Amino acid sequence: MLTVSALCLAMAVYYEARSESRDAQMAVAEVILNRVNSPKFPNTICEVVKQDKGPKAYDCQFSFYCDGKPERMLEAEAWYTAQVISLDAMEDRNTLGLTSMWYHAQECDPEWNKKLKFDDKIGAHLFYSEPSK
């Protein structure tokens, strides 16, 4: 049985990257855990996943959480994989060692990425960290 934290992380991995490779799914999990460890973000996995970033109902950090659709993990194999990846990430097993704290799908070009350092492309996502000062 998953803890609440593992459930929040698994849901984020499932909804943000379930069709991606294991590495791409792990990268999403690592971004969330990197945020938990940063003073710039909330202190728990669930708070990071549910973090709001603006005044509109649909502008939260992780789009699946505020898209107005119910969270239903209908793809059993993908849901199982997301759970395993989440547990591995939380236990620091088989991780990629990313320092990234942001990502977006490659087909997007958000304004916020211009201020960040590009780290890597993994699957269909581009990953970023803070630039060196």
Protein backbone atom coordinates (compact mmCIF):
# COMPACT_ATOMS: atom_id res chain seq x y z
CA MET A 1 0.00 0.00 0.00
CA LEU A 2 1.30 3.45 -0.94
CA THR A 3 1.78 6.24 1.55
CA VAL A 4 -0.02 9.50 0.78
CA SER A 5 3.27 10.99 -0.46
CA ALA A 6 3.96 8.03 -2.74
CA LEU A 7 0.40 8.21 -4.06
CA CYS A 8 0.77 11.93 -4.92
CA LEU A 9 4.10 11.26 -6.65
CA ALA A 10 2.75 8.24 -8.53
CA MET A 11 -0.25 10.22 -9.74
CA ALA A 12 2.00 12.99 -11.03
CA VAL A 13 4.24 10.49 -12.82
CA TYR A 14 1.21 8.73 -14.29
CA TYR A 15 -0.52 11.86 -15.56
CA GLU A 16 2.55 13.79 -16.64
CA ALA A 17 4.54 11.00 -18.34
CA ARG A 18 2.80 7.60 -18.42
CA SER A 19 3.38 7.14 -22.16
CA GLU A 20 7.08 7.97 -21.79
CA SER A 21 10.10 5.78 -21.10
CA ARG A 22 11.07 4.79 -17.58
CA ASP A 23 13.80 7.46 -17.59
CA ALA A 24 11.33 10.15 -18.60
CA GLN A 25 8.95 9.10 -15.86
CA MET A 26 11.79 9.03 -13.33
CA ALA A 27 12.83 12.52 -14.46
CA VAL A 28 9.35 13.85 -13.63
CA ALA A 29 9.53 12.22 -10.20
CA GLU A 30 12.98 13.71 -9.60
CA VAL A 31 11.79 17.23 -10.47
CA ILE A 32 9.08 16.91 -7.82
CA LEU A 33 11.53 15.59 -5.23
CA ASN A 34 14.04 18.32 -6.11
CA ARG A 35 11.32 20.87 -5.45
CA VAL A 36 10.53 19.31 -2.08
CA ASN A 37 14.20 19.76 -1.16
CA SER A 38 14.28 23.40 -2.28
CA PRO A 39 13.32 26.29 0.01
CA LYS A 40 11.55 27.90 -2.99
CA PHE A 41 8.82 25.26 -3.06
CA PRO A 42 6.53 23.53 -0.55
CA ASN A 43 8.01 20.96 1.83
CA THR A 44 6.02 17.85 0.93
CA ILE A 45 5.42 15.87 -2.24
CA CYS A 46 1.66 16.41 -2.15
CA GLU A 47 2.04 20.16 -1.56
CA VAL A 48 4.43 20.41 -4.52
CA VAL A 49 2.10 18.44 -6.79
CA LYS A 50 -0.92 20.52 -5.73
CA GLN A 51 0.87 23.89 -5.74
CA ASP A 52 -1.06 26.72 -7.34
CA LYS A 53 0.88 29.32 -9.30
CA GLY A 54 -1.68 31.93 -10.14
CA PRO A 55 -5.18 33.36 -9.83
CA LYS A 56 -6.93 31.12 -12.35
CA ALA A 57 -8.35 27.72 -11.52
CA TYR A 58 -6.35 26.01 -14.28
CA ASP A 59 -2.88 27.47 -13.72
CA CYS A 60 -1.41 25.12 -11.17
CA GLN A 61 2.13 23.70 -11.38
CA PHE A 62 1.09 20.24 -12.58
CA SER A 63 -1.74 20.53 -15.07
CA PHE A 64 -3.41 17.19 -14.33
CA TYR A 65 -4.23 18.37 -10.82
CA CYS A 66 -6.28 21.39 -11.86
CA ASP A 67 -7.66 20.44 -15.27
CA GLY A 68 -11.12 19.81 -13.84
CA LYS A 69 -11.08 16.12 -14.75
CA PRO A 70 -11.31 13.39 -12.13
CA GLU A 71 -8.10 11.49 -11.47
CA ARG A 72 -8.75 7.95 -12.68
CA MET A 73 -5.82 5.69 -13.35
CA LEU A 74 -7.44 3.54 -16.03
CA GLU A 75 -4.28 2.10 -17.56
CA ALA A 76 -3.37 -0.61 -15.04
CA GLU A 77 0.14 -1.34 -16.30
CA ALA A 78 1.04 2.35 -16.55
CA TRP A 79 -0.36 2.95 -13.05
CA TYR A 80 1.70 0.07 -11.64
CA THR A 81 4.84 1.42 -13.35
CA ALA A 82 4.20 4.92 -11.96
CA GLN A 83 3.91 3.46 -8.46
CA VAL A 84 7.18 1.52 -8.80
CA ILE A 85 9.00 4.56 -10.17
CA SER A 86 7.65 6.72 -7.36
CA LEU A 87 8.80 4.30 -4.69
CA ASP A 88 12.21 3.96 -6.37
CA ALA A 89 12.58 7.75 -6.57
CA MET A 90 11.59 8.22 -2.93
CA GLU A 91 14.15 5.59 -1.91
CA ASP A 92 16.78 7.09 -4.26
CA ARG A 93 17.00 3.87 -6.30
CA ASN A 94 17.63 3.82 -10.05
CA THR A 95 17.46 7.60 -10.25
CA LEU A 96 18.97 9.80 -12.95
CA GLY A 97 20.64 12.28 -10.61
CA LEU A 98 18.90 15.29 -12.16
CA THR A 99 19.07 18.69 -10.49
CA SER A 100 16.22 20.04 -12.62
CA MET A 101 13.26 21.69 -10.92
CA TRP A 102 11.17 22.53 -14.01
CA TYR A 103 10.09 20.80 -17.19
CA HIS A 104 7.60 21.15 -19.98
CA ALA A 105 6.47 19.15 -22.98
CA GLN A 106 8.67 19.71 -26.02
CA GLU A 107 5.76 21.03 -28.10
CA CYS A 108 5.36 23.97 -25.70
CA ASP A 109 7.59 27.01 -25.37
CA PRO A 110 6.58 28.76 -22.14
CA GLU A 111 7.93 32.19 -21.36
CA TRP A 112 9.35 31.06 -17.99
CA ASN A 113 11.93 28.74 -19.56
CA LYS A 114 13.88 31.71 -20.99
CA LYS A 115 15.22 32.53 -17.51
CA LEU A 116 16.40 29.00 -16.76
CA LYS A 117 19.32 26.76 -17.70
CA PHE A 118 18.41 23.95 -20.08
CA ASP A 119 19.54 20.61 -18.60
CA ASP A 120 18.31 17.83 -20.84
CA LYS A 121 15.65 16.46 -23.13
CA ILE A 122 14.28 13.18 -21.85
CA GLY A 123 11.47 11.65 -23.83
CA ALA A 124 9.00 14.34 -24.82
CA HIS A 125 9.99 16.74 -22.03
CA LEU A 126 12.64 19.44 -21.65
CA PHE A 127 14.18 19.86 -18.21
CA TYR A 128 15.61 23.01 -16.61
CA SER A 129 17.40 24.21 -13.50
CA GLU A 130 18.34 27.62 -12.15
CA PRO A 131 21.15 29.31 -14.02
CA SER A 132 24.49 29.69 -12.27
CA LYS A 133 25.06 33.14 -10.89
